[in-house]
Amino acid sequence: MEIIFNAIDEEKPSAKWRQNFNRHWHSYSRWFLAEGIRKRSTYLASKRALRVHMPELMPIYEELCAAAGGGDLEARFLSMWSPPAYIGGCSQAIIGGSQPMMIRNYDYGPKLLEGTWLRSRYCGKRVVAMIDSLWGVLDGINEDGLAVSLSFGGSPTVQEGFGIPIVLRYVLEIASDTKSAIEILQRVPIHMAYSIALLDRSGHHAMVFVSPGRKVEVVNHRVATNHQHRPEWKRHAETTKSVERELILQKSIAENKNMDAMEQVFLAPPVYQTSFEAGYGTLYTAKYTPQNSAVELIWPTQRWRQSCSDFREGSRKLTFSGGEKC
């Protein structure tokens, strides 16, 4: 299975974004309608939710809808209001010291990864992010040095709320530090459980547990895998080795491993996963350094560095197969 990772530099959605939309829309629309159109919120309900909870995104949302052709289905999808469920893996850790860093593995099915690295300026700040759903964020950093990433929180419960990628987009567009990011996560409804890692330029960090129907929890953890306090969905936790990954990362943090050593932990089993066909293989490792608003994508055989101030367009081809590293 091959994935082409593309780096795109475009301040506002225009020709490059439209080309990316054309590349992925067929797959996204099939996923979005898999349960039938009646299962998806109407355009008016979706737009209203966005206006109420994330009003600062309305201008860029309307630009995106126009760039996508102005269709009803496209507008519903781009709002990310109450989308279908998506369940993956992921591991993340926050490293302290004189130069705090965040490192994470993104675990998912290769056929389902968009693979788009985007530098943009949608609401005034420069943002560099790995995107999902065409403008949402899986992990990213802004020019103020706020880094954010997600991991699935381990519960299959789905309720009315936003898909997490648009919420992380909102965080990077609006917040400048961990405190203001937490305030956003505490008030915006999210449709599934996730653990959100936050790290800012001053070194302030947090792990935020969000889950539909529960109060948002802000914890001082430096590690998160695919459960929060304890595994709720035991079969998923066992299959993805969520507890084992957490324990290894906690031990590595306690041993004060430096970043080079932590990279090796993230590139070795069980933290590095190879169940690509099952949907939880490690597709990339990302290392964020808030002091210079930089990020490096890491694979066992290559690396790719970008920053908010120095971003180069390009592409990389990766091949994934069960039991092998790319």
C-alpha atoms as a PDB file:
ATOM      1  CA  MET A   1       0.000   0.000   0.000  1.00  0.00           C
ATOM      2  CA  GLU A   2       1.441   3.330  -1.071  1.00  0.00           C
ATOM      3  CA  ILE A   3       0.668   6.765   0.306  1.00  0.00           C
ATOM      4  CA  ILE A   4       1.838   9.982  -1.261  1.00  0.00           C
ATOM      5  CA  PHE A   5       2.250  12.723   1.340  1.00  0.00           C
ATOM      6  CA  ASN A   6       1.815  16.170  -0.218  1.00  0.00           C
ATOM      7  CA  ALA A   7       2.963  19.481   1.287  1.00  0.00           C
ATOM      8  CA  ILE A   8       0.814  22.423   0.147  1.00  0.00           C
ATOM      9  CA  ASP A   9       1.396  26.101   0.881  1.00  0.00           C
ATOM     10  CA  GLU A  10      -1.729  28.230   0.335  1.00  0.00           C
ATOM     11  CA  GLU A  11      -2.899  30.998   2.675  1.00  0.00           C
ATOM     12  CA  LYS A  12      -6.575  30.803   1.687  1.00  0.00           C
ATOM     13  CA  PRO A  13      -8.425  28.029  -0.187  1.00  0.00           C
ATOM     14  CA  SER A  14      -7.864  28.475  -3.894  1.00  0.00           C
ATOM     15  CA  ALA A  15      -6.605  26.363  -6.795  1.00  0.00           C
ATOM     16  CA  LYS A  16      -4.339  24.103  -4.715  1.00  0.00           C
ATOM     17  CA  TRP A  17      -7.049  23.382  -2.160  1.00  0.00           C
ATOM     18  CA  ARG A  18      -9.542  22.700  -4.957  1.00  0.00           C
ATOM     19  CA  GLN A  19      -7.119  20.230  -6.544  1.00  0.00           C
ATOM     20  CA  ASN A  20      -6.797  18.431  -3.205  1.00  0.00           C
ATOM     21  CA  PHE A  21     -10.601  18.459  -2.846  1.00  0.00           C
ATOM     22  CA  ASN A  22     -10.985  16.869  -6.283  1.00  0.00           C
ATOM     23  CA  ARG A  23      -8.447  14.196  -5.365  1.00  0.00           C
ATOM     24  CA  HIS A  24     -10.256  13.089  -2.210  1.00  0.00           C
ATOM     25  CA  TRP A  25     -13.914  14.080  -2.511  1.00  0.00           C
ATOM     26  CA  HIS A  26     -15.122  10.808  -4.045  1.00  0.00           C
ATOM     27  CA  SER A  27     -13.787   8.795  -1.095  1.00  0.00           C
ATOM     28  CA  TYR A  28     -14.947  11.309   1.506  1.00  0.00           C
ATOM     29  CA  SER A  29     -18.460  11.567   0.082  1.00  0.00           C
ATOM     30  CA  ARG A  30     -18.844   7.766   0.038  1.00  0.00           C
ATOM     31  CA  TRP A  31     -17.769   7.602   3.689  1.00  0.00           C
ATOM     32  CA  PHE A  32     -20.017  10.520   4.657  1.00  0.00           C
ATOM     33  CA  LEU A  33     -23.091   8.898   3.051  1.00  0.00           C
ATOM     34  CA  ALA A  34     -22.354   5.294   4.054  1.00  0.00           C
ATOM     35  CA  GLU A  35     -25.243   5.296   6.556  1.00  0.00           C
ATOM     36  CA  GLY A  36     -27.576   7.229   4.245  1.00  0.00           C
ATOM     37  CA  ILE A  37     -28.226  10.933   3.821  1.00  0.00           C
ATOM     38  CA  ARG A  38     -30.893  10.963   6.549  1.00  0.00           C
ATOM     39  CA  LYS A  39     -28.257  10.114   9.136  1.00  0.00           C
ATOM     40  CA  ARG A  40     -26.386  13.330   8.400  1.00  0.00           C
ATOM     41  CA  SER A  41     -27.390  16.742   9.745  1.00  0.00           C
ATOM     42  CA  THR A  42     -28.945  19.239   7.359  1.00  0.00           C
ATOM     43  CA  TYR A  43     -26.977  22.127   5.929  1.00  0.00           C
ATOM     44  CA  LEU A  44     -28.887  24.643   8.061  1.00  0.00           C
ATOM     45  CA  ALA A  45     -28.303  22.658  11.268  1.00  0.00           C
ATOM     46  CA  SER A  46     -24.621  22.230  10.437  1.00  0.00           C
ATOM     47  CA  LYS A  47     -24.103  25.906   9.657  1.00  0.00           C
ATOM     48  CA  ARG A  48     -25.999  26.938  12.788  1.00  0.00           C
ATOM     49  CA  ALA A  49     -23.813  24.713  14.984  1.00  0.00           C
ATOM     50  CA  LEU A  50     -20.671  26.207  13.495  1.00  0.00           C
ATOM     51  CA  ARG A  51     -21.945  29.763  13.952  1.00  0.00           C
ATOM     52  CA  VAL A  52     -22.890  29.130  17.596  1.00  0.00           C
ATOM     53  CA  HIS A  53     -19.775  27.264  18.728  1.00  0.00           C
ATOM     54  CA  MET A  54     -16.969  28.461  16.436  1.00  0.00           C
ATOM     55  CA  PRO A  55     -18.142  31.734  14.880  1.00  0.00           C
ATOM     56  CA  GLU A  56     -14.618  32.868  13.990  1.00  0.00           C
ATOM     57  CA  LEU A  57     -14.462  30.032  11.438  1.00  0.00           C
ATOM     58  CA  MET A  58     -17.554  31.155   9.527  1.00  0.00           C
ATOM     59  CA  PRO A  59     -15.750  33.346   6.939  1.00  0.00           C
ATOM     60  CA  ILE A  60     -13.233  30.656   6.008  1.00  0.00           C
ATOM     61  CA  TYR A  61     -15.948  27.973   6.085  1.00  0.00           C
ATOM     62  CA  GLU A  62     -17.926  29.941   3.514  1.00  0.00           C
ATOM     63  CA  GLU A  63     -14.796  30.354   1.388  1.00  0.00           C
ATOM     64  CA  LEU A  64     -14.209  26.606   1.548  1.00  0.00           C
ATOM     65  CA  CYS A  65     -17.812  25.846   0.581  1.00  0.00           C
ATOM     66  CA  ALA A  66     -17.499  28.179  -2.410  1.00  0.00           C
ATOM     67  CA  ALA A  67     -14.173  26.609  -3.427  1.00  0.00           C
ATOM     68  CA  ALA A  68     -15.821  23.175  -3.221  1.00  0.00           C
ATOM     69  CA  GLY A  69     -18.535  24.234  -5.658  1.00  0.00           C
ATOM     70  CA  GLY A  70     -21.213  25.507  -3.279  1.00  0.00           C
ATOM     71  CA  GLY A  71     -23.113  22.210  -3.032  1.00  0.00           C
ATOM     72  CA  ASP A  72     -25.338  21.181  -0.118  1.00  0.00           C
ATOM     73  CA  LEU A  73     -23.522  17.902   0.548  1.00  0.00           C
ATOM     74  CA  GLU A  74     -20.102  19.522   0.422  1.00  0.00           C
ATOM     75  CA  ALA A  75     -21.203  22.212   2.899  1.00  0.00           C
ATOM     76  CA  ARG A  76     -22.560  19.637   5.339  1.00  0.00           C
ATOM     77  CA  PHE A  77     -19.340  17.644   5.136  1.00  0.00           C
ATOM     78  CA  LEU A  78     -17.050  20.646   5.582  1.00  0.00           C
ATOM     79  CA  SER A  79     -18.891  21.739   8.748  1.00  0.00           C
ATOM     80  CA  MET A  80     -17.890  18.409  10.360  1.00  0.00           C
ATOM     81  CA  TRP A  81     -21.034  18.596  12.485  1.00  0.00           C
ATOM     82  CA  SER A  82     -22.052  15.107  13.718  1.00  0.00           C
ATOM     83  CA  PRO A  83     -20.097  13.119  11.088  1.00  0.00           C
ATOM     84  CA  PRO A  84     -19.912   9.308  10.986  1.00  0.00           C
ATOM     85  CA  ALA A  85     -17.735   7.615  13.589  1.00  0.00           C
ATOM     86  CA  TYR A  86     -14.026   7.190  12.930  1.00  0.00           C
ATOM     87  CA  ILE A  87     -11.862   5.026  15.131  1.00  0.00           C
ATOM     88  CA  GLY A  88      -8.097   4.766  15.009  1.00  0.00           C
ATOM     89  CA  GLY A  89      -5.141   4.426  17.303  1.00  0.00           C
ATOM     90  CA  CYS A  90      -2.245   6.830  18.000  1.00  0.00           C
ATOM     91  CA  SER A  91       0.303   7.416  20.767  1.00  0.00           C
ATOM     92  CA  GLN A  92       1.505  10.787  22.015  1.00  0.00           C
ATOM     93  CA  ALA A  93       4.012  12.101  24.540  1.00  0.00           C
ATOM     94  CA  ILE A  94       5.143  15.496  25.822  1.00  0.00           C
ATOM     95  CA  ILE A  95       8.840  15.894  26.602  1.00  0.00           C
ATOM     96  CA  GLY A  96       9.951  18.528  29.117  1.00  0.00           C
ATOM     97  CA  GLY A  97      13.337  20.185  29.567  1.00  0.00           C
ATOM     98  CA  SER A  98      14.966  23.317  28.190  1.00  0.00           C
ATOM     99  CA  GLN A  99      13.359  22.742  24.789  1.00  0.00           C
ATOM    100  CA  PRO A 100       9.947  21.095  25.328  1.00  0.00           C
ATOM    101  CA  MET A 101       8.706  18.933  22.499  1.00  0.00           C
ATOM    102  CA  MET A 102       5.678  16.869  21.549  1.00  0.00           C
ATOM    103  CA  ILE A 103       5.999  13.583  19.681  1.00  0.00           C
ATOM    104  CA  ARG A 104       3.214  11.412  18.370  1.00  0.00           C
ATOM    105  CA  ASN A 105       2.488   8.364  16.197  1.00  0.00           C
ATOM    106  CA  TYR A 106      -0.541   8.542  13.934  1.00  0.00           C
ATOM    107  CA  ASP A 107      -2.018   5.043  13.601  1.00  0.00           C
ATOM    108  CA  TYR A 108      -4.700   4.460  10.988  1.00  0.00           C
ATOM    109  CA  GLY A 109      -5.466   2.610   7.763  1.00  0.00           C
ATOM    110  CA  PRO A 110      -3.274   3.694   4.820  1.00  0.00           C
ATOM    111  CA  LYS A 111      -6.244   3.739   2.452  1.00  0.00           C
ATOM    112  CA  LEU A 112      -8.032   6.228   4.718  1.00  0.00           C
ATOM    113  CA  LEU A 113      -5.237   8.761   5.203  1.00  0.00           C
ATOM    114  CA  GLU A 114      -5.458  11.983   3.222  1.00  0.00           C
ATOM    115  CA  GLY A 115      -1.724  12.608   3.571  1.00  0.00           C
ATOM    116  CA  THR A 116      -1.925  16.383   3.124  1.00  0.00           C
ATOM    117  CA  TRP A 117       0.467  18.691   4.971  1.00  0.00           C
ATOM    118  CA  LEU A 118      -0.865  22.246   4.727  1.00  0.00           C
ATOM    119  CA  ARG A 119       0.529  25.643   5.642  1.00  0.00           C
ATOM    120  CA  SER A 120      -2.251  28.211   5.707  1.00  0.00           C
ATOM    121  CA  ARG A 121      -3.352  31.544   7.151  1.00  0.00           C
ATOM    122  CA  TYR A 122      -7.100  31.096   7.445  1.00  0.00           C
ATOM    123  CA  CYS A 123      -7.846  33.406  10.376  1.00  0.00           C
ATOM    124  CA  GLY A 124      -4.687  35.530  10.606  1.00  0.00           C
ATOM    125  CA  LYS A 125      -2.190  33.059  12.132  1.00  0.00           C
ATOM    126  CA  ARG A 126       0.142  30.861  10.157  1.00  0.00           C
ATOM    127  CA  VAL A 127      -0.692  27.219  10.817  1.00  0.00           C
ATOM    128  CA  VAL A 128       1.141  24.084   9.680  1.00  0.00           C
ATOM    129  CA  ALA A 129      -0.901  20.910  10.090  1.00  0.00           C
ATOM    130  CA  MET A 130      -1.509  17.402   8.864  1.00  0.00           C
ATOM    131  CA  ILE A 131      -5.092  17.715   7.736  1.00  0.00           C
ATOM    132  CA  ASP A 132      -8.133  15.468   7.637  1.00  0.00           C
ATOM    133  CA  SER A 133     -11.559  16.019   6.091  1.00  0.00           C
ATOM    134  CA  LEU A 134      -9.910  18.546   3.749  1.00  0.00           C
ATOM    135  CA  TRP A 135      -9.255  21.265   6.346  1.00  0.00           C
ATOM    136  CA  GLY A 136      -9.475  19.710   9.802  1.00  0.00           C
ATOM    137  CA  VAL A 137      -6.355  18.950  11.849  1.00  0.00           C
ATOM    138  CA  LEU A 138      -4.890  15.640  13.058  1.00  0.00           C
ATOM    139  CA  ASP A 139      -1.880  17.406  14.558  1.00  0.00           C
ATOM    140  CA  GLY A 140      -0.296  20.770  13.962  1.00  0.00           C
ATOM    141  CA  ILE A 141       1.336  23.943  15.254  1.00  0.00           C
ATOM    142  CA  ASN A 142       0.735  27.667  14.838  1.00  0.00           C
ATOM    143  CA  GLU A 143       3.137  30.613  14.617  1.00  0.00           C
ATOM    144  CA  ASP A 144       2.596  31.382  18.315  1.00  0.00           C
ATOM    145  CA  GLY A 145       4.194  28.020  19.146  1.00  0.00           C
ATOM    146  CA  LEU A 146       1.039  26.154  20.229  1.00  0.00           C
ATOM    147  CA  ALA A 147       1.192  22.474  19.234  1.00  0.00           C
ATOM    148  CA  VAL A 148      -1.745  20.075  19.351  1.00  0.00           C
ATOM    149  CA  SER A 149      -2.406  16.442  18.499  1.00  0.00           C
ATOM    150  CA  LEU A 150      -5.110  13.844  19.059  1.00  0.00           C
ATOM    151  CA  SER A 151      -5.538  10.189  19.883  1.00  0.00           C
ATOM    152  CA  PHE A 152      -8.742   8.148  19.968  1.00  0.00           C
ATOM    153  CA  GLY A 153     -10.089   8.063  23.524  1.00  0.00           C
ATOM    154  CA  GLY A 154     -11.188   4.440  23.625  1.00  0.00           C
ATOM    155  CA  SER A 155     -14.995   4.659  23.701  1.00  0.00           C
ATOM    156  CA  PRO A 156     -17.316   3.758  20.784  1.00  0.00           C
ATOM    157  CA  THR A 157     -20.021   6.155  22.040  1.00  0.00           C
ATOM    158  CA  VAL A 158     -21.157   8.690  19.429  1.00  0.00           C
ATOM    159  CA  GLN A 159     -23.362  11.701  20.133  1.00  0.00           C
ATOM    160  CA  GLU A 160     -24.215  15.013  18.503  1.00  0.00           C
ATOM    161  CA  GLY A 161     -21.145  17.188  18.234  1.00  0.00           C
ATOM    162  CA  PHE A 162     -18.261  18.156  15.981  1.00  0.00           C
ATOM    163  CA  GLY A 163     -15.688  15.844  14.489  1.00  0.00           C
ATOM    164  CA  ILE A 164     -12.451  16.492  16.365  1.00  0.00           C
ATOM    165  CA  PRO A 165     -10.409  17.652  13.321  1.00  0.00           C
ATOM    166  CA  ILE A 166     -12.390  20.883  12.922  1.00  0.00           C
ATOM    167  CA  VAL A 167     -12.089  21.578  16.652  1.00  0.00           C
ATOM    168  CA  LEU A 168      -8.306  21.254  16.495  1.00  0.00           C
ATOM    169  CA  ARG A 169      -8.355  23.556  13.470  1.00  0.00           C
ATOM    170  CA  TYR A 170     -10.264  26.065  15.591  1.00  0.00           C
ATOM    171  CA  VAL A 171      -7.755  25.700  18.433  1.00  0.00           C
ATOM    172  CA  LEU A 172      -4.791  26.469  16.180  1.00  0.00           C
ATOM    173  CA  GLU A 173      -6.544  29.357  14.441  1.00  0.00           C
ATOM    174  CA  ILE A 174      -7.732  31.088  17.631  1.00  0.00           C
ATOM    175  CA  ALA A 175      -5.615  30.021  20.632  1.00  0.00           C
ATOM    176  CA  SER A 176      -2.065  31.173  21.371  1.00  0.00           C
ATOM    177  CA  ASP A 177      -1.254  29.015  24.392  1.00  0.00           C
ATOM    178  CA  THR A 178      -2.321  25.934  26.311  1.00  0.00           C
ATOM    179  CA  LYS A 179      -4.656  27.862  28.634  1.00  0.00           C
ATOM    180  CA  SER A 180      -6.719  29.386  25.810  1.00  0.00           C
ATOM    181  CA  ALA A 181      -6.769  26.044  23.972  1.00  0.00           C
ATOM    182  CA  ILE A 182      -8.207  24.336  27.061  1.00  0.00           C
ATOM    183  CA  GLU A 183     -10.948  26.951  27.266  1.00  0.00           C
ATOM    184  CA  ILE A 184     -11.992  26.110  23.706  1.00  0.00           C
ATOM    185  CA  LEU A 185     -12.010  22.366  24.338  1.00  0.00           C
ATOM    186  CA  GLN A 186     -14.136  22.866  27.435  1.00  0.00           C
ATOM    187  CA  ARG A 187     -16.963  24.560  25.543  1.00  0.00           C
ATOM    188  CA  VAL A 188     -17.128  23.035  22.046  1.00  0.00           C
ATOM    189  CA  PRO A 189     -19.197  19.790  21.800  1.00  0.00           C
ATOM    190  CA  ILE A 190     -17.297  16.832  20.317  1.00  0.00           C
ATOM    191  CA  HIS A 191     -18.996  13.733  18.921  1.00  0.00           C
ATOM    192  CA  MET A 192     -16.554  11.045  20.133  1.00  0.00           C
ATOM    193  CA  ALA A 193     -13.946  10.455  22.833  1.00  0.00           C
ATOM    194  CA  TYR A 194     -10.418  11.785  22.279  1.00  0.00           C
ATOM    195  CA  SER A 195      -7.304  12.621  24.250  1.00  0.00           C
ATOM    196  CA  ILE A 196      -5.886  15.971  23.144  1.00  0.00           C
ATOM    197  CA  ALA A 197      -2.220  16.806  23.808  1.00  0.00           C
ATOM    198  CA  LEU A 198      -1.306  20.499  24.124  1.00  0.00           C
ATOM    199  CA  LEU A 199       2.103  22.150  24.426  1.00  0.00           C
ATOM    200  CA  ASP A 200       2.943  25.841  24.062  1.00  0.00           C
ATOM    201  CA  ARG A 201       6.138  27.856  23.656  1.00  0.00           C
ATOM    202  CA  SER A 202       6.438  28.563  27.385  1.00  0.00           C
ATOM    203  CA  GLY A 203       6.446  24.825  28.107  1.00  0.00           C
ATOM    204  CA  HIS A 204       2.945  24.727  29.582  1.00  0.00           C
ATOM    205  CA  HIS A 205       1.280  21.474  28.651  1.00  0.00           C
ATOM    206  CA  ALA A 206      -1.888  19.502  29.259  1.00  0.00           C
ATOM    207  CA  MET A 207      -3.672  16.348  28.228  1.00  0.00           C
ATOM    208  CA  VAL A 208      -7.387  17.008  27.748  1.00  0.00           C
ATOM    209  CA  PHE A 209      -9.872  14.131  27.848  1.00  0.00           C
ATOM    210  CA  VAL A 210     -13.028  14.887  25.875  1.00  0.00           C
ATOM    211  CA  SER A 211     -15.932  12.480  25.617  1.00  0.00           C
ATOM    212  CA  PRO A 212     -19.591  13.012  24.648  1.00  0.00           C
ATOM    213  CA  GLY A 213     -21.907  13.255  27.631  1.00  0.00           C
ATOM    214  CA  ARG A 214     -19.065  13.750  30.111  1.00  0.00           C
ATOM    215  CA  LYS A 215     -17.327  16.733  31.647  1.00  0.00           C
ATOM    216  CA  VAL A 216     -14.066  17.652  29.952  1.00  0.00           C
ATOM    217  CA  GLU A 217     -11.062  16.614  32.070  1.00  0.00           C
ATOM    218  CA  VAL A 218      -7.722  18.417  32.086  1.00  0.00           C
ATOM    219  CA  VAL A 219      -4.992  16.150  33.414  1.00  0.00           C
ATOM    220  CA  ASN A 220      -1.258  16.572  33.903  1.00  0.00           C
ATOM    221  CA  HIS A 221      -0.379  13.411  31.993  1.00  0.00           C
ATOM    222  CA  ARG A 222       2.526  13.521  29.560  1.00  0.00           C
ATOM    223  CA  VAL A 223       1.427  10.369  27.710  1.00  0.00           C
ATOM    224  CA  ALA A 224      -1.797   9.222  26.032  1.00  0.00           C
ATOM    225  CA  THR A 225      -2.612   6.198  23.906  1.00  0.00           C
ATOM    226  CA  ASN A 226      -6.132   4.861  23.230  1.00  0.00           C
ATOM    227  CA  HIS A 227      -7.821   4.875  26.576  1.00  0.00           C
ATOM    228  CA  GLN A 228      -8.226   7.568  29.164  1.00  0.00           C
ATOM    229  CA  HIS A 229      -8.177   6.540  32.825  1.00  0.00           C
ATOM    230  CA  ARG A 230      -8.732   2.871  32.026  1.00  0.00           C
ATOM    231  CA  PRO A 231      -9.789   0.867  28.982  1.00  0.00           C
ATOM    232  CA  GLU A 232     -13.547   1.021  28.391  1.00  0.00           C
ATOM    233  CA  TRP A 233     -13.548  -0.746  25.058  1.00  0.00           C
ATOM    234  CA  LYS A 234     -11.401  -3.655  26.140  1.00  0.00           C
ATOM    235  CA  ARG A 235     -11.311  -5.432  22.789  1.00  0.00           C
ATOM    236  CA  HIS A 236     -10.007  -2.325  21.023  1.00  0.00           C
ATOM    237  CA  ALA A 237      -7.460  -1.675  23.780  1.00  0.00           C
ATOM    238  CA  GLU A 238      -6.171  -5.246  23.639  1.00  0.00           C
ATOM    239  CA  THR A 239      -6.006  -5.314  19.851  1.00  0.00           C
ATOM    240  CA  THR A 240      -4.107  -2.024  19.618  1.00  0.00           C
ATOM    241  CA  LYS A 241      -1.969  -2.721  22.719  1.00  0.00           C
ATOM    242  CA  SER A 242      -3.098   0.557  24.230  1.00  0.00           C
ATOM    243  CA  VAL A 243      -2.065  -0.271  27.808  1.00  0.00           C
ATOM    244  CA  GLU A 244       1.283  -1.724  26.741  1.00  0.00           C
ATOM    245  CA  ARG A 245       2.103   1.354  24.673  1.00  0.00           C
ATOM    246  CA  GLU A 246       1.133   3.660  27.534  1.00  0.00           C
ATOM    247  CA  LEU A 247       3.326   1.830  30.033  1.00  0.00           C
ATOM    248  CA  ILE A 248       6.359   1.891  27.745  1.00  0.00           C
ATOM    249  CA  LEU A 249       5.971   5.623  27.104  1.00  0.00           C
ATOM    250  CA  GLN A 250       5.427   6.395  30.794  1.00  0.00           C
ATOM    251  CA  LYS A 251       8.591   4.455  31.635  1.00  0.00           C
ATOM    252  CA  SER A 252      10.525   6.327  28.951  1.00  0.00           C
ATOM    253  CA  ILE A 253       9.344   9.690  30.296  1.00  0.00           C
ATOM    254  CA  ALA A 254      10.265   8.655  33.866  1.00  0.00           C
ATOM    255  CA  GLU A 255      13.746   7.721  32.679  1.00  0.00           C
ATOM    256  CA  ASN A 256      14.145  11.237  31.212  1.00  0.00           C
ATOM    257  CA  LYS A 257      15.028   9.889  27.808  1.00  0.00           C
ATOM    258  CA  ASN A 258      16.179  12.595  25.414  1.00  0.00           C
ATOM    259  CA  MET A 259      14.376  13.217  22.150  1.00  0.00           C
ATOM    260  CA  ASP A 260      16.668  10.974  20.104  1.00  0.00           C
ATOM    261  CA  ALA A 261      15.954   8.094  22.472  1.00  0.00           C
ATOM    262  CA  MET A 262      12.220   8.864  22.468  1.00  0.00           C
ATOM    263  CA  GLU A 263      12.173   8.756  18.683  1.00  0.00           C
ATOM    264  CA  GLN A 264      13.550   5.235  18.811  1.00  0.00           C
ATOM    265  CA  VAL A 265      10.813   4.243  21.258  1.00  0.00           C
ATOM    266  CA  PHE A 266       8.181   5.594  18.866  1.00  0.00           C
ATOM    267  CA  LEU A 267       9.762   3.732  15.943  1.00  0.00           C
ATOM    268  CA  ALA A 268       9.863   0.366  17.729  1.00  0.00           C
ATOM    269  CA  PRO A 269       7.052  -2.107  18.558  1.00  0.00           C
ATOM    270  CA  PRO A 270       4.647  -2.008  20.248  1.00  0.00           C
ATOM    271  CA  VAL A 271       4.453   1.807  20.016  1.00  0.00           C
ATOM    272  CA  TYR A 272       5.172   1.531  16.300  1.00  0.00           C
ATOM    273  CA  GLN A 273       2.346  -0.607  14.897  1.00  0.00           C
ATOM    274  CA  THR A 274       2.208  -2.534  11.627  1.00  0.00           C
ATOM    275  CA  SER A 275      -1.420  -3.716  11.471  1.00  0.00           C
ATOM    276  CA  PHE A 276      -2.035  -1.547   8.415  1.00  0.00           C
ATOM    277  CA  GLU A 277      -4.808  -3.669   6.900  1.00  0.00           C
ATOM    278  CA  ALA A 278      -6.668  -3.670  10.219  1.00  0.00           C
ATOM    279  CA  GLY A 279      -6.577   0.132  10.345  1.00  0.00           C
ATOM    280  CA  TYR A 280      -4.067   0.852  13.104  1.00  0.00           C
ATOM    281  CA  GLY A 281      -0.638   0.841  11.550  1.00  0.00           C
ATOM    282  CA  THR A 282       1.728   3.759  12.229  1.00  0.00           C
ATOM    283  CA  LEU A 283       1.584   6.008   9.159  1.00  0.00           C
ATOM    284  CA  TYR A 284       3.906   8.715  10.455  1.00  0.00           C
ATOM    285  CA  THR A 285       5.647  10.012  13.546  1.00  0.00           C
ATOM    286  CA  ALA A 286       5.491  13.777  14.088  1.00  0.00           C
ATOM    287  CA  LYS A 287       7.827  15.766  16.341  1.00  0.00           C
ATOM    288  CA  TYR A 288       6.813  19.333  17.300  1.00  0.00           C
ATOM    289  CA  THR A 289       9.147  22.007  18.721  1.00  0.00           C
ATOM    290  CA  PRO A 290       7.122  25.047  19.867  1.00  0.00           C
ATOM    291  CA  GLN A 291      10.158  27.315  20.350  1.00  0.00           C
ATOM    292  CA  ASN A 292      10.570  27.663  16.593  1.00  0.00           C
ATOM    293  CA  SER A 293       7.070  26.553  15.492  1.00  0.00           C
ATOM    294  CA  ALA A 294       8.619  23.606  13.657  1.00  0.00           C
ATOM    295  CA  VAL A 295       7.562  20.046  12.934  1.00  0.00           C
ATOM    296  CA  GLU A 296       9.336  17.019  11.535  1.00  0.00           C
ATOM    297  CA  LEU A 297       7.634  13.991  10.032  1.00  0.00           C
ATOM    298  CA  ILE A 298       9.642  10.873  10.739  1.00  0.00           C
ATOM    299  CA  TRP A 299       9.595   7.412   9.192  1.00  0.00           C
ATOM    300  CA  PRO A 300      12.091   4.602   9.781  1.00  0.00           C
ATOM    301  CA  THR A 301      13.847   5.406   6.501  1.00  0.00           C
ATOM    302  CA  GLN A 302      13.382   9.160   6.042  1.00  0.00           C
ATOM    303  CA  ARG A 303      12.536  12.512   7.635  1.00  0.00           C
ATOM    304  CA  TRP A 304      10.815  15.697   6.474  1.00  0.00           C
ATOM    305  CA  ARG A 305      11.063  19.010   8.334  1.00  0.00           C
ATOM    306  CA  GLN A 306       8.876  22.114   7.989  1.00  0.00           C
ATOM    307  CA  SER A 307       8.009  25.175  10.065  1.00  0.00           C
ATOM    308  CA  CYS A 308       5.564  28.060  10.075  1.00  0.00           C
ATOM    309  CA  SER A 309       8.306  30.365   8.769  1.00  0.00           C
ATOM    310  CA  ASP A 310      10.052  27.952   6.389  1.00  0.00           C
ATOM    311  CA  PHE A 311       7.699  25.644   4.508  1.00  0.00           C
ATOM    312  CA  ARG A 312       8.576  23.938   1.229  1.00  0.00           C
ATOM    313  CA  GLU A 313       6.013  22.317  -1.026  1.00  0.00           C
ATOM    314  CA  GLY A 314       6.743  18.815  -2.241  1.00  0.00           C
ATOM    315  CA  SER A 315       5.744  15.176  -1.952  1.00  0.00           C
ATOM    316  CA  ARG A 316       7.027  11.926  -0.460  1.00  0.00           C
ATOM    317  CA  LYS A 317       5.971   8.409  -1.390  1.00  0.00           C
ATOM    318  CA  LEU A 318       5.749   5.810   1.404  1.00  0.00           C
ATOM    319  CA  THR A 319       4.963   2.112   1.136  1.00  0.00           C
ATOM    320  CA  PHE A 320       3.263   0.254   3.967  1.00  0.00           C
ATOM    321  CA  SER A 321       2.859  -3.484   4.451  1.00  0.00           C
ATOM    322  CA  GLY A 322       2.031  -5.634   7.452  1.00  0.00           C
ATOM    323  CA  GLY A 323       5.052  -6.534   9.540  1.00  0.00           C
ATOM    324  CA  GLU A 324       7.369  -4.183   7.669  1.00  0.00           C
ATOM    325  CA  LYS A 325       8.478  -0.621   8.209  1.00  0.00           C
ATOM    326  CA  CYS A 326       8.349   1.948   5.452  1.00  0.00           C
END
